[in-house]
């Protein structure tokens, strides 16, 4: 029996086309709810980095800011769940990402290896830089908020 490589390839790419955006949506939902919840519980491994980044922010102490940011992240995750709230998720994500990238500028001693700024990130720096992928995933999901006739959903 001869395998039809083109038929197999079409089948696989069709599956990815049908399910890829939903997989991104679910992945972002899980990541934001999970990581946000860890911040609220006070057990996030990113808490110290967040605290070091928000020391200049007014109104709340650093522990409170970690919890606020955790709640913000959970809200982003919930908003990614529903087609009608994707725009809200992306707006909240855009604002959150500004803060997420701040340690690269404010804390280069933590986010880059000594003497290798800006080209050799530490594990913390890599953790931040990988958010470019999250931004890209949000762009893909955001591209689905209108139907194929470019009408609002």
Protein backbone atom coordinates (compact mmCIF):
# COMPACT_ATOMS: atom_id res chain seq x y z
CA UNK A 1 0.00 0.00 0.00
CA UNK A 2 1.48 3.33 -1.10
CA UNK A 3 1.06 6.35 1.14
CA UNK A 4 -0.24 9.46 -0.52
CA UNK A 5 2.04 12.08 1.07
CA UNK A 6 0.03 14.99 -0.35
CA UNK A 7 -3.24 13.63 1.07
CA UNK A 8 -1.63 13.08 4.48
CA UNK A 9 -0.10 16.56 4.41
CA UNK A 10 -3.47 18.11 3.50
CA UNK A 11 -5.16 16.23 6.30
CA UNK A 12 -2.59 17.31 8.89
CA UNK A 13 -2.52 20.94 7.76
CA UNK A 14 -6.33 20.99 7.65
CA UNK A 15 -6.44 19.76 11.24
CA UNK A 16 -3.99 22.48 12.27
CA UNK A 17 -5.99 25.12 10.41
CA UNK A 18 -9.25 24.04 12.09
CA UNK A 19 -7.87 23.77 15.61
CA UNK A 20 -4.77 26.00 15.82
CA UNK A 21 -6.44 29.26 16.84
CA UNK A 22 -8.61 27.52 19.44
CA UNK A 23 -5.47 25.81 20.81
CA UNK A 24 -3.77 29.22 21.11
CA UNK A 25 -6.85 30.64 22.82
CA UNK A 26 -7.00 27.80 25.35
CA UNK A 27 -3.22 27.94 25.92
CA UNK A 28 -3.28 31.67 26.68
CA UNK A 29 -6.28 31.18 28.95
CA UNK A 30 -4.49 28.47 30.94
CA UNK A 31 -1.18 30.34 31.14
CA UNK A 32 -2.68 33.63 32.29
CA UNK A 33 -5.12 32.14 34.80
CA UNK A 34 -2.52 29.74 36.22
CA UNK A 35 0.37 32.19 36.48
CA UNK A 36 -1.92 34.96 37.77
CA UNK A 37 -3.35 32.63 40.42
CA UNK A 38 0.17 31.75 41.60
CA UNK A 39 0.83 35.46 42.13
CA UNK A 40 -2.37 35.88 44.12
CA UNK A 41 -1.50 32.85 46.28
CA UNK A 42 1.98 34.28 46.88
CA UNK A 43 3.77 31.26 45.39
CA UNK A 44 4.81 32.59 41.97
CA UNK A 45 8.49 32.09 41.10
CA UNK A 46 8.25 35.42 39.24
CA UNK A 47 7.14 37.35 42.36
CA UNK A 48 10.61 38.60 43.30
CA UNK A 49 11.20 39.91 39.78
CA UNK A 50 7.81 41.62 39.79
CA UNK A 51 8.50 43.16 43.21
CA UNK A 52 11.89 44.46 42.07
CA UNK A 53 10.22 46.00 39.00
CA UNK A 54 7.30 47.73 40.75
CA UNK A 55 9.17 49.40 43.63
CA UNK A 56 8.63 52.81 42.02
CA UNK A 57 4.86 52.41 41.61
CA UNK A 58 2.57 54.43 43.93
CA UNK A 59 -0.46 53.57 46.09
CA UNK A 60 0.38 49.96 47.02
CA UNK A 61 3.34 48.05 48.40
CA UNK A 62 5.16 45.51 46.22
CA UNK A 63 3.30 42.51 47.67
CA UNK A 64 -0.02 44.14 46.86
CA UNK A 65 1.16 44.98 43.33
CA UNK A 66 2.05 41.32 42.75
CA UNK A 67 -1.50 40.32 43.72
CA UNK A 68 -3.03 43.09 41.57
CA UNK A 69 -0.94 41.99 38.60
CA UNK A 70 -1.96 38.38 39.29
CA UNK A 71 -5.63 39.39 39.19
CA UNK A 72 -5.02 41.35 35.99
CA UNK A 73 -3.43 38.26 34.43
CA UNK A 74 -6.35 36.08 35.49
CA UNK A 75 -8.75 38.59 33.91
CA UNK A 76 -6.75 38.42 30.67
CA UNK A 77 -7.05 34.63 30.74
CA UNK A 78 -10.80 34.69 31.33
CA UNK A 79 -11.26 37.24 28.53
CA UNK A 80 -9.38 34.99 26.10
CA UNK A 81 -12.00 32.29 26.75
CA UNK A 82 -14.83 34.02 24.89
CA UNK A 83 -14.96 35.40 21.37
CA UNK A 84 -16.89 38.46 22.57
CA UNK A 85 -14.17 39.41 25.08
CA UNK A 86 -11.06 38.74 22.97
CA UNK A 87 -10.68 42.46 22.21
CA UNK A 88 -10.70 43.17 25.96
CA UNK A 89 -8.11 40.41 26.52
CA UNK A 90 -5.83 41.91 23.88
CA UNK A 91 -6.18 45.43 25.28
CA UNK A 92 -5.40 44.19 28.81
CA UNK A 93 -2.53 42.10 27.44
CA UNK A 94 -1.04 45.10 25.60
CA UNK A 95 -0.99 47.11 28.84
CA UNK A 96 0.39 44.16 30.82
CA UNK A 97 3.18 43.52 28.32
CA UNK A 98 4.55 47.03 28.84
CA UNK A 99 5.14 46.12 32.47
CA UNK A 100 6.36 42.65 31.60
CA UNK A 101 9.21 44.01 29.48
CA UNK A 102 10.22 46.70 32.00
CA UNK A 103 12.78 44.54 33.84
CA UNK A 104 14.86 44.34 30.65
CA UNK A 105 15.38 48.11 31.01
CA UNK A 106 15.04 48.67 34.76
CA UNK A 107 16.87 45.55 35.95
CA UNK A 108 19.51 44.63 33.36
CA UNK A 109 21.70 43.17 36.12
CA UNK A 110 19.01 40.56 36.72
CA UNK A 111 17.81 40.02 33.16
CA UNK A 112 21.18 39.84 31.38
CA UNK A 113 24.39 37.98 32.11
CA UNK A 114 27.18 40.18 33.53
CA UNK A 115 28.97 42.15 30.83
CA UNK A 116 26.70 40.77 28.09
CA UNK A 117 23.90 43.34 27.95
CA UNK A 118 21.79 43.26 25.71
CA UNK A 119 22.55 40.03 23.88
CA UNK A 120 22.86 37.29 26.53
CA UNK A 121 19.78 37.09 28.76
CA UNK A 122 19.64 35.24 32.05
CA UNK A 123 16.84 32.74 32.66
CA UNK A 124 14.76 35.69 33.92
CA UNK A 125 15.50 37.60 30.74
CA UNK A 126 14.56 34.60 28.62
CA UNK A 127 11.32 34.28 30.61
CA UNK A 128 10.49 37.86 29.66
CA UNK A 129 11.62 37.69 26.02
CA UNK A 130 9.46 34.60 25.37
CA UNK A 131 6.50 36.93 25.79
CA UNK A 132 7.08 37.93 22.17
CA UNK A 133 5.48 34.57 21.38
CA UNK A 134 2.49 35.41 23.58
CA UNK A 135 2.10 38.73 21.75
CA UNK A 136 2.22 36.89 18.41
CA UNK A 137 -0.39 34.37 19.60
CA UNK A 138 -2.65 37.25 20.65
CA UNK A 139 -2.24 38.80 17.19
CA UNK A 140 -3.33 35.54 15.56
CA UNK A 141 -6.34 35.25 17.86
CA UNK A 142 -7.16 38.92 17.36
CA UNK A 143 -7.28 38.31 13.64
CA UNK A 144 -10.34 36.12 14.19
CA UNK A 145 -12.64 38.70 15.82
CA UNK A 146 -14.34 39.45 12.53
CA UNK A 147 -15.98 36.87 10.30
CA UNK A 148 -14.71 36.05 6.81
CA UNK A 149 -16.78 38.92 5.35
CA UNK A 150 -14.90 41.30 7.71
CA UNK A 151 -18.01 41.95 9.78
CA UNK A 152 -17.88 42.47 13.51
CA UNK A 153 -18.64 39.39 15.60
